[in-house]
Amino acid sequence: MADIVGLQCTECKDRNYVTLVNKKKATKKLEKSKFCPKCGKHTLHKECK
């Protein structure tokens, strides 16, 4: 049921995190504020393949 998706930083475009998303319940792309080790600060991370 759940698919593995990566979370990509919107500032440096680096893929930092991997998470599971239930595609049947989630209609929009996942967006979370997470810490980016490359930028050194909390930034918005969006779902990518």
PDB file of N, CA and C in Angstrom:
ATOM      1  N   MET A   1       0.817  -1.197   0.000  1.00  0.00           N
ATOM      2  CA  MET A   1       0.000   0.000   0.000  1.00  0.00           C
ATOM      3  C   MET A   1       0.862   1.264   0.000  1.00  0.00           C
ATOM      4  N   ALA A   2       1.832   1.322   0.886  1.00  0.00           N
ATOM      5  CA  ALA A   2       2.659   2.521   1.000  1.00  0.00           C
ATOM      6  C   ALA A   2       3.826   2.456   0.012  1.00  0.00           C
ATOM      7  N   ASP A   3       4.165   3.594  -0.551  1.00  0.00           N
ATOM      8  CA  ASP A   3       5.289   3.698  -1.477  1.00  0.00           C
ATOM      9  C   ASP A   3       6.433   4.441  -0.807  1.00  0.00           C
ATOM     10  N   ILE A   4       7.652   4.072  -1.185  1.00  0.00           N
ATOM     11  CA  ILE A   4       8.833   4.763  -0.675  1.00  0.00           C
ATOM     12  C   ILE A   4       9.076   5.979  -1.556  1.00  0.00           C
ATOM     13  N   VAL A   5       9.186   7.165  -0.932  1.00  0.00           N
ATOM     14  CA  VAL A   5       9.468   8.393  -1.660  1.00  0.00           C
ATOM     15  C   VAL A   5      10.629   9.117  -0.975  1.00  0.00           C
ATOM     16  N   GLY A   6      11.346   9.906  -1.749  1.00  0.00           N
ATOM     17  CA  GLY A   6      12.432  10.707  -1.214  1.00  0.00           C
ATOM     18  C   GLY A   6      11.969  12.128  -0.963  1.00  0.00           C
ATOM     19  N   LEU A   7      12.615  12.791  -0.022  1.00  0.00           N
ATOM     20  CA  LEU A   7      12.325  14.194   0.248  1.00  0.00           C
ATOM     21  C   LEU A   7      13.527  15.020  -0.195  1.00  0.00           C
ATOM     22  N   GLN A   8      13.254  16.011  -1.048  1.00  0.00           N
ATOM     23  CA  GLN A   8      14.302  16.820  -1.660  1.00  0.00           C
ATOM     24  C   GLN A   8      14.232  18.245  -1.130  1.00  0.00           C
ATOM     25  N   CYS A   9      15.374  18.807  -0.748  1.00  0.00           N
ATOM     26  CA  CYS A   9      15.456  20.182  -0.263  1.00  0.00           C
ATOM     27  C   CYS A   9      15.106  21.142  -1.400  1.00  0.00           C
ATOM     28  N   THR A  10      14.295  22.158  -1.100  1.00  0.00           N
ATOM     29  CA  THR A  10      13.883  23.102  -2.142  1.00  0.00           C
ATOM     30  C   THR A  10      14.966  24.131  -2.444  1.00  0.00           C
ATOM     31  N   GLU A  11      15.945  24.296  -1.552  1.00  0.00           N
ATOM     32  CA  GLU A  11      16.993  25.293  -1.782  1.00  0.00           C
ATOM     33  C   GLU A  11      18.195  24.717  -2.520  1.00  0.00           C
ATOM     34  N   CYS A  12      18.742  23.602  -2.036  1.00  0.00           N
ATOM     35  CA  CYS A  12      19.957  23.056  -2.655  1.00  0.00           C
ATOM     36  C   CYS A  12      19.675  21.851  -3.555  1.00  0.00           C
ATOM     37  N   LYS A  13      18.417  21.387  -3.607  1.00  0.00           N
ATOM     38  CA  LYS A  13      17.981  20.262  -4.448  1.00  0.00           C
ATOM     39  C   LYS A  13      18.662  18.949  -4.080  1.00  0.00           C
ATOM     40  N   ASP A  14      19.088  18.795  -2.838  1.00  0.00           N
ATOM     41  CA  ASP A  14      19.729  17.581  -2.361  1.00  0.00           C
ATOM     42  C   ASP A  14      18.681  16.665  -1.743  1.00  0.00           C
ATOM     43  N   ARG A  15      18.737  15.376  -2.050  1.00  0.00           N
ATOM     44  CA  ARG A  15      17.793  14.412  -1.479  1.00  0.00           C
ATOM     45  C   ARG A  15      18.362  13.911  -0.153  1.00  0.00           C
ATOM     46  N   ASN A  16      17.691  14.265   0.946  1.00  0.00           N
ATOM     47  CA  ASN A  16      18.217  13.977   2.268  1.00  0.00           C
ATOM     48  C   ASN A  16      17.472  12.882   3.013  1.00  0.00           C
ATOM     49  N   TYR A  17      16.191  12.728   2.796  1.00  0.00           N
ATOM     50  CA  TYR A  17      15.368  11.829   3.601  1.00  0.00           C
ATOM     51  C   TYR A  17      14.552  10.899   2.712  1.00  0.00           C
ATOM     52  N   VAL A  18      14.188   9.744   3.285  1.00  0.00           N
ATOM     53  CA  VAL A  18      13.326   8.763   2.627  1.00  0.00           C
ATOM     54  C   VAL A  18      12.202   8.444   3.598  1.00  0.00           C
ATOM     55  N   THR A  19      10.960   8.355   3.088  1.00  0.00           N
ATOM     56  CA  THR A  19       9.812   8.076   3.934  1.00  0.00           C
ATOM     57  C   THR A  19       8.787   7.262   3.160  1.00  0.00           C
ATOM     58  N   LEU A  20       7.790   6.758   3.883  1.00  0.00           N
ATOM     59  CA  LEU A  20       6.699   6.000   3.278  1.00  0.00           C
ATOM     60  C   LEU A  20       5.457   6.876   3.183  1.00  0.00           C
ATOM     61  N   VAL A  21       4.747   6.786   2.045  1.00  0.00           N
ATOM     62  CA  VAL A  21       3.533   7.559   1.835  1.00  0.00           C
ATOM     63  C   VAL A  21       2.459   6.620   1.299  1.00  0.00           C
ATOM     64  N   ASN A  22       1.270   6.671   1.900  1.00  0.00           N
ATOM     65  CA  ASN A  22       0.135   5.901   1.428  1.00  0.00           C
ATOM     66  C   ASN A  22      -0.503   6.664   0.263  1.00  0.00           C
ATOM     67  N   LYS A  23      -0.363   6.155  -0.938  1.00  0.00           N
ATOM     68  CA  LYS A  23      -0.837   6.851  -2.138  1.00  0.00           C
ATOM     69  C   LYS A  23      -2.362   6.872  -2.248  1.00  0.00           C
ATOM     70  N   LYS A  24      -3.047   5.955  -1.562  1.00  0.00           N
ATOM     71  CA  LYS A  24      -4.505   5.948  -1.608  1.00  0.00           C
ATOM     72  C   LYS A  24      -5.091   7.095  -0.798  1.00  0.00           C
ATOM     73  N   LYS A  25      -4.446   7.473   0.292  1.00  0.00           N
ATOM     74  CA  LYS A  25      -4.953   8.534   1.154  1.00  0.00           C
ATOM     75  C   LYS A  25      -4.350   9.901   0.832  1.00  0.00           C
ATOM     76  N   ALA A  26      -3.120   9.927   0.339  1.00  0.00           N
ATOM     77  CA  ALA A  26      -2.427  11.186   0.058  1.00  0.00           C
ATOM     78  C   ALA A  26      -2.743  11.633  -1.368  1.00  0.00           C
ATOM     79  N   THR A  27      -3.362  12.803  -1.500  1.00  0.00           N
ATOM     80  CA  THR A  27      -3.698  13.311  -2.828  1.00  0.00           C
ATOM     81  C   THR A  27      -2.670  14.328  -3.311  1.00  0.00           C
ATOM     82  N   LYS A  28      -2.068  15.069  -2.374  1.00  0.00           N
ATOM     83  CA  LYS A  28      -1.057  16.063  -2.735  1.00  0.00           C
ATOM     84  C   LYS A  28       0.334  15.530  -2.432  1.00  0.00           C
ATOM     85  N   LYS A  29       1.354  16.184  -2.998  1.00  0.00           N
ATOM     86  CA  LYS A  29       2.721  15.806  -2.700  1.00  0.00           C
ATOM     87  C   LYS A  29       3.072  16.220  -1.280  1.00  0.00           C
ATOM     88  N   LEU A  30       3.856  15.393  -0.633  1.00  0.00           N
ATOM     89  CA  LEU A  30       4.244  15.608   0.754  1.00  0.00           C
ATOM     90  C   LEU A  30       5.232  16.767   0.856  1.00  0.00           C
ATOM     91  N   GLU A  31       5.013  17.661   1.817  1.00  0.00           N
ATOM     92  CA  GLU A  31       5.917  18.780   2.095  1.00  0.00           C
ATOM     93  C   GLU A  31       6.154  18.849   3.590  1.00  0.00           C
ATOM     94  N   LYS A  32       7.421  18.848   3.998  1.00  0.00           N
ATOM     95  CA  LYS A  32       7.772  18.922   5.410  1.00  0.00           C
ATOM     96  C   LYS A  32       8.933  19.866   5.599  1.00  0.00           C
ATOM     97  N   SER A  33       8.973  20.507   6.760  1.00  0.00           N
ATOM     98  CA  SER A  33      10.116  21.339   7.122  1.00  0.00           C
ATOM     99  C   SER A  33      11.089  20.453   7.882  1.00  0.00           C
ATOM    100  N   LYS A  34      12.252  20.186   7.282  1.00  0.00           N
ATOM    101  CA  LYS A  34      13.245  19.288   7.868  1.00  0.00           C
ATOM    102  C   LYS A  34      14.603  19.974   7.844  1.00  0.00           C
ATOM    103  N   PHE A  35      15.538  19.439   8.623  1.00  0.00           N
ATOM    104  CA  PHE A  35      16.894  19.982   8.652  1.00  0.00           C
ATOM    105  C   PHE A  35      17.684  19.455   7.465  1.00  0.00           C
ATOM    106  N   CYS A  36      18.309  20.360   6.731  1.00  0.00           N
ATOM    107  CA  CYS A  36      19.159  19.998   5.600  1.00  0.00           C
ATOM    108  C   CYS A  36      20.617  20.114   6.044  1.00  0.00           C
ATOM    109  N   PRO A  37      21.364  18.995   6.090  1.00  0.00           N
ATOM    110  CA  PRO A  37      22.751  19.069   6.524  1.00  0.00           C
ATOM    111  C   PRO A  37      23.649  19.831   5.550  1.00  0.00           C
ATOM    112  N   LYS A  38      23.299  19.861   4.280  1.00  0.00           N
ATOM    113  CA  LYS A  38      24.112  20.581   3.292  1.00  0.00           C
ATOM    114  C   LYS A  38      23.940  22.092   3.445  1.00  0.00           C
ATOM    115  N   CYS A  39      22.689  22.558   3.661  1.00  0.00           N
ATOM    116  CA  CYS A  39      22.416  23.987   3.856  1.00  0.00           C
ATOM    117  C   CYS A  39      22.753  24.419   5.279  1.00  0.00           C
ATOM    118  N   GLY A  40      22.607  23.509   6.243  1.00  0.00           N
ATOM    119  CA  GLY A  40      22.887  23.819   7.631  1.00  0.00           C
ATOM    120  C   GLY A  40      21.743  24.511   8.352  1.00  0.00           C
ATOM    121  N   LYS A  41      20.512  24.363   7.832  1.00  0.00           N
ATOM    122  CA  LYS A  41      19.349  24.997   8.453  1.00  0.00           C
ATOM    123  C   LYS A  41      18.091  24.225   8.091  1.00  0.00           C
ATOM    124  N   HIS A  42      16.987  24.555   8.739  1.00  0.00           N
ATOM    125  CA  HIS A  42      15.702  23.938   8.429  1.00  0.00           C
ATOM    126  C   HIS A  42      15.138  24.570   7.156  1.00  0.00           C
ATOM    127  N   THR A  43      14.782  23.715   6.196  1.00  0.00           N
ATOM    128  CA  THR A  43      14.212  24.173   4.939  1.00  0.00           C
ATOM    129  C   THR A  43      13.021  23.293   4.587  1.00  0.00           C
ATOM    130  N   LEU A  44      12.250  23.724   3.607  1.00  0.00           N
ATOM    131  CA  LEU A  44      11.109  22.960   3.134  1.00  0.00           C
ATOM    132  C   LEU A  44      11.618  21.828   2.237  1.00  0.00           C
ATOM    133  N   HIS A  45      11.167  20.609   2.514  1.00  0.00           N
ATOM    134  CA  HIS A  45      11.504  19.443   1.717  1.00  0.00           C
ATOM    135  C   HIS A  45      10.234  18.941   1.044  1.00  0.00           C
ATOM    136  N   LYS A  46      10.317  18.702  -0.272  1.00  0.00           N
ATOM    137  CA  LYS A  46       9.174  18.231  -1.037  1.00  0.00           C
ATOM    138  C   LYS A  46       9.426  16.811  -1.529  1.00  0.00           C
ATOM    139  N   GLU A  47       8.327  16.115  -1.780  1.00  0.00           N
ATOM    140  CA  GLU A  47       8.379  14.735  -2.247  1.00  0.00           C
ATOM    141  C   GLU A  47       8.941  14.661  -3.659  1.00  0.00           C
ATOM    142  N   CYS A  48       9.827  13.685  -3.884  1.00  0.00           N
ATOM    143  CA  CYS A  48      10.343  13.410  -5.219  1.00  0.00           C
ATOM    144  C   CYS A  48      10.441  11.901  -5.376  1.00  0.00           C
ATOM    145  N   LYS A  49      10.693  11.425  -6.542  1.00  0.00           N
ATOM    146  CA  LYS A  49      10.778   9.974  -6.777  1.00  0.00           C
ATOM    147  C   LYS A  49      12.116   9.419  -6.381  1.00  0.00           C
TER     148      LYS A  49
END
